[in-house]
Amino acid sequence: TFLKVMSLSEEHVNADYLGIATGNFGNILRLEGKNQEALPFLYTDYEINYQSVPHNTALTCLHIAEALMALDSIPKAKIYIDRASQLNAKKVGAAYSANYFEVQTLYYRKVKNTQLAAAYLDSALAQKDALCALYNSKIRTAYQSEISAKKYLNSIQSNETEEAHADWLNGIMIGSLIVLSLAGLYAFNQRRQKLKLQKKIAQNTKIQAVAQLECFVNGLRERNELIEK
């Protein structure tokens, strides 16, 4: 799929998508252990995007550094680790931080600095725990929204049933009220006002249910976005 994106990007002269596709394809090769094959694609992503999207290119630098260290090119890997820090000086993104700490751990293991390797490993584990907590929080929020929405829907159905039953009773009452006195007619009008109020309350409840459903859908969307990242 990324190869198709690259082909279309070159056909339509779209550097942005070419950078996205080459970077992701290169990382796929790296994850498959094809580090030598991955580097040209990662370098292309770096050259295209290091000015326009530096925080994304910082992550590409980390992937390049990992590939270089796998090929035992340690000094060159250090250059790209430093470039990653420069491009993403504010450490934007929890996923970036986790990758950065992991790469630093690997680097200091390669240069036999066990003290710094252990420190970066602790940071990487702490960052991953934070990401897991965030992910679980998103799931809980979405689940709670779903439960609340179902409760509102059940309440609406119950109110609609009661309203239908009340309408049936009103039909009988109207026939009786025709022959009643003015006092009876006044009482009937009072009941109609009460039913209008109940209907308004039911409508407000429906509006709240829709809001809860929207919250639930947004929660699912955020969870999907988080999973994709």
C-alpha atoms as a PDB file:
ATOM      1  CA  THR A   1       0.000   0.000   0.000  1.00  0.00           C
ATOM      2  CA  PHE A   2       2.817   2.418   0.810  1.00  0.00           C
ATOM      3  CA  LEU A   3       4.459   1.564  -2.525  1.00  0.00           C
ATOM      4  CA  LYS A   4       1.198   2.582  -4.240  1.00  0.00           C
ATOM      5  CA  VAL A   5       1.234   5.857  -2.302  1.00  0.00           C
ATOM      6  CA  MET A   6       4.814   6.502  -3.423  1.00  0.00           C
ATOM      7  CA  SER A   7       3.891   5.820  -7.041  1.00  0.00           C
ATOM      8  CA  LEU A   8       0.878   8.142  -6.942  1.00  0.00           C
ATOM      9  CA  SER A   9       2.859  10.819  -5.091  1.00  0.00           C
ATOM     10  CA  GLU A  10       5.531  10.849  -7.781  1.00  0.00           C
ATOM     11  CA  GLU A  11       2.874  10.840 -10.497  1.00  0.00           C
ATOM     12  CA  HIS A  12       1.096  13.856  -8.996  1.00  0.00           C
ATOM     13  CA  VAL A  13       4.301  15.516  -7.714  1.00  0.00           C
ATOM     14  CA  ASN A  14       3.174  15.511  -4.082  1.00  0.00           C
ATOM     15  CA  ALA A  15       6.223  15.649  -1.810  1.00  0.00           C
ATOM     16  CA  ASP A  16       4.197  15.522   1.418  1.00  0.00           C
ATOM     17  CA  TYR A  17       2.685  12.131   0.691  1.00  0.00           C
ATOM     18  CA  LEU A  18       5.948  10.867  -0.761  1.00  0.00           C
ATOM     19  CA  GLY A  19       7.644  11.695   2.561  1.00  0.00           C
ATOM     20  CA  ILE A  20       4.912   9.971   4.562  1.00  0.00           C
ATOM     21  CA  ALA A  21       5.013   6.858   2.397  1.00  0.00           C
ATOM     22  CA  THR A  22       8.799   6.496   2.224  1.00  0.00           C
ATOM     23  CA  GLY A  23       9.186   6.980   5.983  1.00  0.00           C
ATOM     24  CA  ASN A  24       6.545   4.414   6.855  1.00  0.00           C
ATOM     25  CA  PHE A  25       7.735   1.921   4.249  1.00  0.00           C
ATOM     26  CA  GLY A  26      11.313   2.289   5.467  1.00  0.00           C
ATOM     27  CA  ASN A  27      10.200   1.690   9.043  1.00  0.00           C
ATOM     28  CA  ILE A  28       8.318  -1.446   7.976  1.00  0.00           C
ATOM     29  CA  LEU A  29      11.513  -2.787   6.413  1.00  0.00           C
ATOM     30  CA  ARG A  30      13.416  -1.889   9.590  1.00  0.00           C
ATOM     31  CA  LEU A  31      10.876  -3.738  11.744  1.00  0.00           C
ATOM     32  CA  GLU A  32      11.306  -6.758   9.474  1.00  0.00           C
ATOM     33  CA  GLY A  33      15.040  -6.646  10.167  1.00  0.00           C
ATOM     34  CA  LYS A  34      15.909  -5.344   6.675  1.00  0.00           C
ATOM     35  CA  ASN A  35      17.897  -2.405   8.011  1.00  0.00           C
ATOM     36  CA  GLN A  36      20.159  -1.886   4.980  1.00  0.00           C
ATOM     37  CA  GLU A  37      17.137  -1.796   2.654  1.00  0.00           C
ATOM     38  CA  ALA A  38      15.227   0.474   5.022  1.00  0.00           C
ATOM     39  CA  LEU A  39      17.806   3.266   5.218  1.00  0.00           C
ATOM     40  CA  PRO A  40      17.341   4.783   1.697  1.00  0.00           C
ATOM     41  CA  PHE A  41      13.598   5.192   2.313  1.00  0.00           C
ATOM     42  CA  LEU A  42      14.133   6.664   5.776  1.00  0.00           C
ATOM     43  CA  TYR A  43      16.743   9.077   4.409  1.00  0.00           C
ATOM     44  CA  THR A  44      14.274  10.189   1.709  1.00  0.00           C
ATOM     45  CA  ASP A  45      11.643  10.908   4.360  1.00  0.00           C
ATOM     46  CA  TYR A  46      14.217  12.884   6.330  1.00  0.00           C
ATOM     47  CA  GLU A  47      15.275  15.000   3.339  1.00  0.00           C
ATOM     48  CA  ILE A  48      11.694  15.809   2.336  1.00  0.00           C
ATOM     49  CA  ASN A  49      10.178  16.605   5.747  1.00  0.00           C
ATOM     50  CA  TYR A  50      12.891  17.869   8.091  1.00  0.00           C
ATOM     51  CA  GLN A  51      11.908  21.497   7.482  1.00  0.00           C
ATOM     52  CA  SER A  52       8.125  21.242   7.025  1.00  0.00           C
ATOM     53  CA  VAL A  53       7.303  18.737   9.801  1.00  0.00           C
ATOM     54  CA  PRO A  54      10.320  18.601  12.127  1.00  0.00           C
ATOM     55  CA  HIS A  55       8.544  16.765  14.973  1.00  0.00           C
ATOM     56  CA  ASN A  56       7.631  13.885  12.607  1.00  0.00           C
ATOM     57  CA  THR A  57      11.120  13.891  11.106  1.00  0.00           C
ATOM     58  CA  ALA A  58      12.523  13.591  14.636  1.00  0.00           C
ATOM     59  CA  LEU A  59      10.833  10.192  14.888  1.00  0.00           C
ATOM     60  CA  THR A  60      12.294   9.254  11.496  1.00  0.00           C
ATOM     61  CA  CYS A  61      15.757  10.170  12.849  1.00  0.00           C
ATOM     62  CA  LEU A  62      15.234   7.730  15.704  1.00  0.00           C
ATOM     63  CA  HIS A  63      14.311   4.982  13.232  1.00  0.00           C
ATOM     64  CA  ILE A  64      17.437   5.779  11.196  1.00  0.00           C
ATOM     65  CA  ALA A  65      19.538   5.609  14.353  1.00  0.00           C
ATOM     66  CA  GLU A  66      18.067   2.212  15.268  1.00  0.00           C
ATOM     67  CA  ALA A  67      18.796   0.865  11.777  1.00  0.00           C
ATOM     68  CA  LEU A  68      22.356   2.203  11.897  1.00  0.00           C
ATOM     69  CA  MET A  69      22.995   0.681  15.315  1.00  0.00           C
ATOM     70  CA  ALA A  70      21.704  -2.659  14.028  1.00  0.00           C
ATOM     71  CA  LEU A  71      24.377  -2.333  11.325  1.00  0.00           C
ATOM     72  CA  ASP A  72      26.976  -1.377  13.973  1.00  0.00           C
ATOM     73  CA  SER A  73      27.350   2.174  12.634  1.00  0.00           C
ATOM     74  CA  ILE A  74      27.347   3.675  16.126  1.00  0.00           C
ATOM     75  CA  PRO A  75      28.934   7.142  15.538  1.00  0.00           C
ATOM     76  CA  LYS A  76      26.565   7.883  12.671  1.00  0.00           C
ATOM     77  CA  ALA A  77      23.622   6.690  14.747  1.00  0.00           C
ATOM     78  CA  LYS A  78      24.607   9.185  17.456  1.00  0.00           C
ATOM     79  CA  ILE A  79      24.400  12.001  14.874  1.00  0.00           C
ATOM     80  CA  TYR A  80      20.771  11.144  14.109  1.00  0.00           C
ATOM     81  CA  ILE A  81      19.875  10.782  17.786  1.00  0.00           C
ATOM     82  CA  ASP A  82      21.172  14.307  18.341  1.00  0.00           C
ATOM     83  CA  ARG A  83      19.272  15.550  15.284  1.00  0.00           C
ATOM     84  CA  ALA A  84      16.092  14.027  16.672  1.00  0.00           C
ATOM     85  CA  SER A  85      16.584  16.013  19.876  1.00  0.00           C
ATOM     86  CA  GLN A  86      17.162  19.199  17.881  1.00  0.00           C
ATOM     87  CA  LEU A  87      14.129  18.711  15.632  1.00  0.00           C
ATOM     88  CA  ASN A  88      11.839  17.904  18.553  1.00  0.00           C
ATOM     89  CA  ALA A  89      13.402  19.971  21.322  1.00  0.00           C
ATOM     90  CA  LYS A  90      10.120  20.127  23.253  1.00  0.00           C
ATOM     91  CA  LYS A  91       9.696  16.325  23.117  1.00  0.00           C
ATOM     92  CA  VAL A  92       6.272  16.675  21.471  1.00  0.00           C
ATOM     93  CA  GLY A  93       4.248  13.474  21.768  1.00  0.00           C
ATOM     94  CA  ALA A  94       4.326  10.700  24.335  1.00  0.00           C
ATOM     95  CA  ALA A  95       5.051   8.120  21.623  1.00  0.00           C
ATOM     96  CA  TYR A  96       8.134  10.084  20.546  1.00  0.00           C
ATOM     97  CA  SER A  97       9.433  10.214  24.122  1.00  0.00           C
ATOM     98  CA  ALA A  98       9.045   6.458  24.537  1.00  0.00           C
ATOM     99  CA  ASN A  99      10.945   5.844  21.263  1.00  0.00           C
ATOM    100  CA  TYR A 100      13.626   8.378  22.202  1.00  0.00           C
ATOM    101  CA  PHE A 101      14.303   6.730  25.564  1.00  0.00           C
ATOM    102  CA  GLU A 102      14.432   3.282  23.954  1.00  0.00           C
ATOM    103  CA  VAL A 103      16.916   4.419  21.306  1.00  0.00           C
ATOM    104  CA  GLN A 104      19.101   6.102  23.925  1.00  0.00           C
ATOM    105  CA  THR A 105      19.003   2.905  25.978  1.00  0.00           C
ATOM    106  CA  LEU A 106      20.165   0.924  22.964  1.00  0.00           C
ATOM    107  CA  TYR A 107      22.899   3.455  22.147  1.00  0.00           C
ATOM    108  CA  TYR A 108      24.401   3.497  25.638  1.00  0.00           C
ATOM    109  CA  ARG A 109      24.328  -0.284  25.742  1.00  0.00           C
ATOM    110  CA  LYS A 110      26.310  -0.287  22.489  1.00  0.00           C
ATOM    111  CA  VAL A 111      28.927   2.089  23.937  1.00  0.00           C
ATOM    112  CA  LYS A 112      29.054   0.072  27.196  1.00  0.00           C
ATOM    113  CA  ASN A 113      27.711   2.877  29.433  1.00  0.00           C
ATOM    114  CA  THR A 114      25.501   0.712  31.624  1.00  0.00           C
ATOM    115  CA  GLN A 115      24.626   3.519  34.061  1.00  0.00           C
ATOM    116  CA  LEU A 116      23.059   5.776  31.417  1.00  0.00           C
ATOM    117  CA  ALA A 117      21.522   2.782  29.656  1.00  0.00           C
ATOM    118  CA  ALA A 118      19.739   1.801  32.875  1.00  0.00           C
ATOM    119  CA  ALA A 119      18.544   5.387  33.450  1.00  0.00           C
ATOM    120  CA  TYR A 120      17.085   5.676  29.943  1.00  0.00           C
ATOM    121  CA  LEU A 121      15.510   2.241  30.262  1.00  0.00           C
ATOM    122  CA  ASP A 122      13.720   3.359  33.440  1.00  0.00           C
ATOM    123  CA  SER A 123      12.458   6.449  31.603  1.00  0.00           C
ATOM    124  CA  ALA A 124      11.255   4.345  28.675  1.00  0.00           C
ATOM    125  CA  LEU A 125       9.343   1.987  30.962  1.00  0.00           C
ATOM    126  CA  ALA A 126       7.784   4.906  32.852  1.00  0.00           C
ATOM    127  CA  GLN A 127       6.695   6.527  29.570  1.00  0.00           C
ATOM    128  CA  LYS A 128       5.163   3.271  28.338  1.00  0.00           C
ATOM    129  CA  ASP A 129       3.276   2.881  31.620  1.00  0.00           C
ATOM    130  CA  ALA A 130       1.908   6.404  31.160  1.00  0.00           C
ATOM    131  CA  LEU A 131       0.767   5.551  27.615  1.00  0.00           C
ATOM    132  CA  CYS A 132      -0.971   2.396  28.873  1.00  0.00           C
ATOM    133  CA  ALA A 133      -2.727   4.384  31.598  1.00  0.00           C
ATOM    134  CA  LEU A 134      -3.912   6.934  29.033  1.00  0.00           C
ATOM    135  CA  TYR A 135      -5.157   4.182  26.736  1.00  0.00           C
ATOM    136  CA  ASN A 136      -7.054   2.455  29.574  1.00  0.00           C
ATOM    137  CA  SER A 137      -8.543   5.793  30.646  1.00  0.00           C
ATOM    138  CA  LYS A 138      -9.868   6.353  27.121  1.00  0.00           C
ATOM    139  CA  ILE A 139     -11.472   2.904  27.133  1.00  0.00           C
ATOM    140  CA  ARG A 140     -13.108   3.497  30.534  1.00  0.00           C
ATOM    141  CA  THR A 141     -14.470   6.865  29.438  1.00  0.00           C
ATOM    142  CA  ALA A 142     -15.953   5.380  26.273  1.00  0.00           C
ATOM    143  CA  TYR A 143     -17.491   2.488  28.239  1.00  0.00           C
ATOM    144  CA  GLN A 144     -19.017   4.810  30.835  1.00  0.00           C
ATOM    145  CA  SER A 145     -20.447   6.991  28.064  1.00  0.00           C
ATOM    146  CA  GLU A 146     -22.003   3.919  26.456  1.00  0.00           C
ATOM    147  CA  ILE A 147     -23.619   2.846  29.743  1.00  0.00           C
ATOM    148  CA  SER A 148     -24.971   6.358  30.365  1.00  0.00           C
ATOM    149  CA  ALA A 149     -26.384   6.541  26.843  1.00  0.00           C
ATOM    150  CA  LYS A 150     -28.148   3.196  27.255  1.00  0.00           C
ATOM    151  CA  LYS A 151     -29.661   4.348  30.549  1.00  0.00           C
ATOM    152  CA  TYR A 152     -31.005   7.484  28.886  1.00  0.00           C
ATOM    153  CA  LEU A 153     -32.455   5.475  26.010  1.00  0.00           C
ATOM    154  CA  ASN A 154     -34.206   3.103  28.429  1.00  0.00           C
ATOM    155  CA  SER A 155     -35.581   6.106  30.292  1.00  0.00           C
ATOM    156  CA  ILE A 156     -36.900   7.586  27.040  1.00  0.00           C
ATOM    157  CA  GLN A 157     -38.602   4.321  26.069  1.00  0.00           C
ATOM    158  CA  SER A 158     -40.208   4.116  29.502  1.00  0.00           C
ATOM    159  CA  ASN A 159     -41.452   7.706  29.245  1.00  0.00           C
ATOM    160  CA  GLU A 160     -42.848   7.101  25.765  1.00  0.00           C
ATOM    161  CA  THR A 161     -44.759   4.059  27.028  1.00  0.00           C
ATOM    162  CA  GLU A 162     -46.181   6.046  29.911  1.00  0.00           C
ATOM    163  CA  GLU A 163     -47.076   8.890  27.556  1.00  0.00           C
ATOM    164  CA  ALA A 164     -48.916   6.517  25.181  1.00  0.00           C
ATOM    165  CA  HIS A 165     -50.853   5.071  28.108  1.00  0.00           C
ATOM    166  CA  ALA A 166     -51.675   8.562  29.358  1.00  0.00           C
ATOM    167  CA  ASP A 167     -52.967   9.522  25.889  1.00  0.00           C
ATOM    168  CA  TRP A 168     -55.294   6.514  25.921  1.00  0.00           C
ATOM    169  CA  LEU A 169     -56.658   7.525  29.306  1.00  0.00           C
ATOM    170  CA  ASN A 170     -57.123  11.081  28.096  1.00  0.00           C
ATOM    171  CA  GLY A 171     -59.434   9.858  25.313  1.00  0.00           C
ATOM    172  CA  ILE A 172     -61.758   8.335  27.875  1.00  0.00           C
ATOM    173  CA  MET A 173     -61.557  11.390  30.108  1.00  0.00           C
ATOM    174  CA  ILE A 174     -62.456  13.764  27.262  1.00  0.00           C
ATOM    175  CA  GLY A 175     -65.747  11.926  26.682  1.00  0.00           C
ATOM    176  CA  SER A 176     -66.602  12.209  30.363  1.00  0.00           C
ATOM    177  CA  LEU A 177     -65.552  15.824  30.763  1.00  0.00           C
ATOM    178  CA  ILE A 178     -68.046  16.979  28.096  1.00  0.00           C
ATOM    179  CA  VAL A 179     -70.912  16.490  30.530  1.00  0.00           C
ATOM    180  CA  LEU A 180     -69.112  17.769  33.583  1.00  0.00           C
ATOM    181  CA  SER A 181     -69.318  21.199  35.056  1.00  0.00           C
ATOM    182  CA  LEU A 182     -66.950  24.126  34.440  1.00  0.00           C
ATOM    183  CA  ALA A 183     -64.927  22.929  37.401  1.00  0.00           C
ATOM    184  CA  GLY A 184     -64.354  19.606  35.659  1.00  0.00           C
ATOM    185  CA  LEU A 185     -63.304  21.384  32.469  1.00  0.00           C
ATOM    186  CA  TYR A 186     -60.830  23.475  34.458  1.00  0.00           C
ATOM    187  CA  ALA A 187     -59.353  20.315  35.993  1.00  0.00           C
ATOM    188  CA  PHE A 188     -58.988  18.801  32.532  1.00  0.00           C
ATOM    189  CA  ASN A 189     -57.136  21.854  31.258  1.00  0.00           C
ATOM    190  CA  GLN A 190     -54.800  21.647  34.230  1.00  0.00           C
ATOM    191  CA  ARG A 191     -53.994  18.047  33.367  1.00  0.00           C
ATOM    192  CA  ARG A 192     -53.232  18.980  29.762  1.00  0.00           C
ATOM    193  CA  GLN A 193     -50.715  21.527  31.004  1.00  0.00           C
ATOM    194  CA  LYS A 194     -49.137  18.852  33.143  1.00  0.00           C
ATOM    195  CA  LEU A 195     -48.852  16.480  30.137  1.00  0.00           C
ATOM    196  CA  LYS A 196     -47.233  19.238  28.082  1.00  0.00           C
ATOM    197  CA  LEU A 197     -44.696  19.705  30.842  1.00  0.00           C
ATOM    198  CA  GLN A 198     -44.015  15.960  30.926  1.00  0.00           C
ATOM    199  CA  LYS A 199     -43.566  15.940  27.164  1.00  0.00           C
ATOM    200  CA  LYS A 200     -41.125  18.835  27.395  1.00  0.00           C
ATOM    201  CA  ILE A 201     -39.186  16.978  30.078  1.00  0.00           C
ATOM    202  CA  ALA A 202     -39.117  13.885  27.847  1.00  0.00           C
ATOM    203  CA  GLN A 203     -37.789  15.974  24.941  1.00  0.00           C
ATOM    204  CA  ASN A 204     -35.057  17.406  27.174  1.00  0.00           C
ATOM    205  CA  THR A 205     -34.186  13.873  28.211  1.00  0.00           C
ATOM    206  CA  LYS A 206     -33.878  12.902  24.538  1.00  0.00           C
ATOM    207  CA  ILE A 207     -31.558  15.838  23.928  1.00  0.00           C
ATOM    208  CA  GLN A 208     -29.385  14.706  26.826  1.00  0.00           C
ATOM    209  CA  ALA A 209     -29.369  11.182  25.392  1.00  0.00           C
ATOM    210  CA  VAL A 210     -28.178  12.474  22.027  1.00  0.00           C
ATOM    211  CA  ALA A 211     -25.410  14.411  23.784  1.00  0.00           C
ATOM    212  CA  GLN A 212     -24.349  11.258  25.620  1.00  0.00           C
ATOM    213  CA  LEU A 213     -24.340   9.303  22.363  1.00  0.00           C
ATOM    214  CA  GLU A 214     -22.182  11.965  20.719  1.00  0.00           C
ATOM    215  CA  CYS A 215     -19.794  11.764  23.672  1.00  0.00           C
ATOM    216  CA  PHE A 216     -19.680   7.983  23.266  1.00  0.00           C
ATOM    217  CA  VAL A 217     -18.963   8.249  19.525  1.00  0.00           C
ATOM    218  CA  ASN A 218     -16.232  10.848  20.181  1.00  0.00           C
ATOM    219  CA  GLY A 219     -14.754   8.521  22.796  1.00  0.00           C
ATOM    220  CA  LEU A 220     -14.643   5.675  20.248  1.00  0.00           C
ATOM    221  CA  ARG A 221     -13.089   7.995  17.642  1.00  0.00           C
ATOM    222  CA  GLU A 222     -10.393   9.133  20.080  1.00  0.00           C
ATOM    223  CA  ARG A 223      -9.711   5.532  21.069  1.00  0.00           C
ATOM    224  CA  ASN A 224      -9.377   4.511  17.395  1.00  0.00           C
ATOM    225  CA  GLU A 225      -7.030   7.456  16.749  1.00  0.00           C
ATOM    226  CA  LEU A 226      -4.959   6.483  19.772  1.00  0.00           C
ATOM    227  CA  ILE A 227      -4.807   2.834  18.635  1.00  0.00           C
ATOM    228  CA  GLU A 228      -3.758   3.943  15.134  1.00  0.00           C
ATOM    229  CA  LYS A 229      -0.956   6.090  16.585  1.00  0.00           C
END
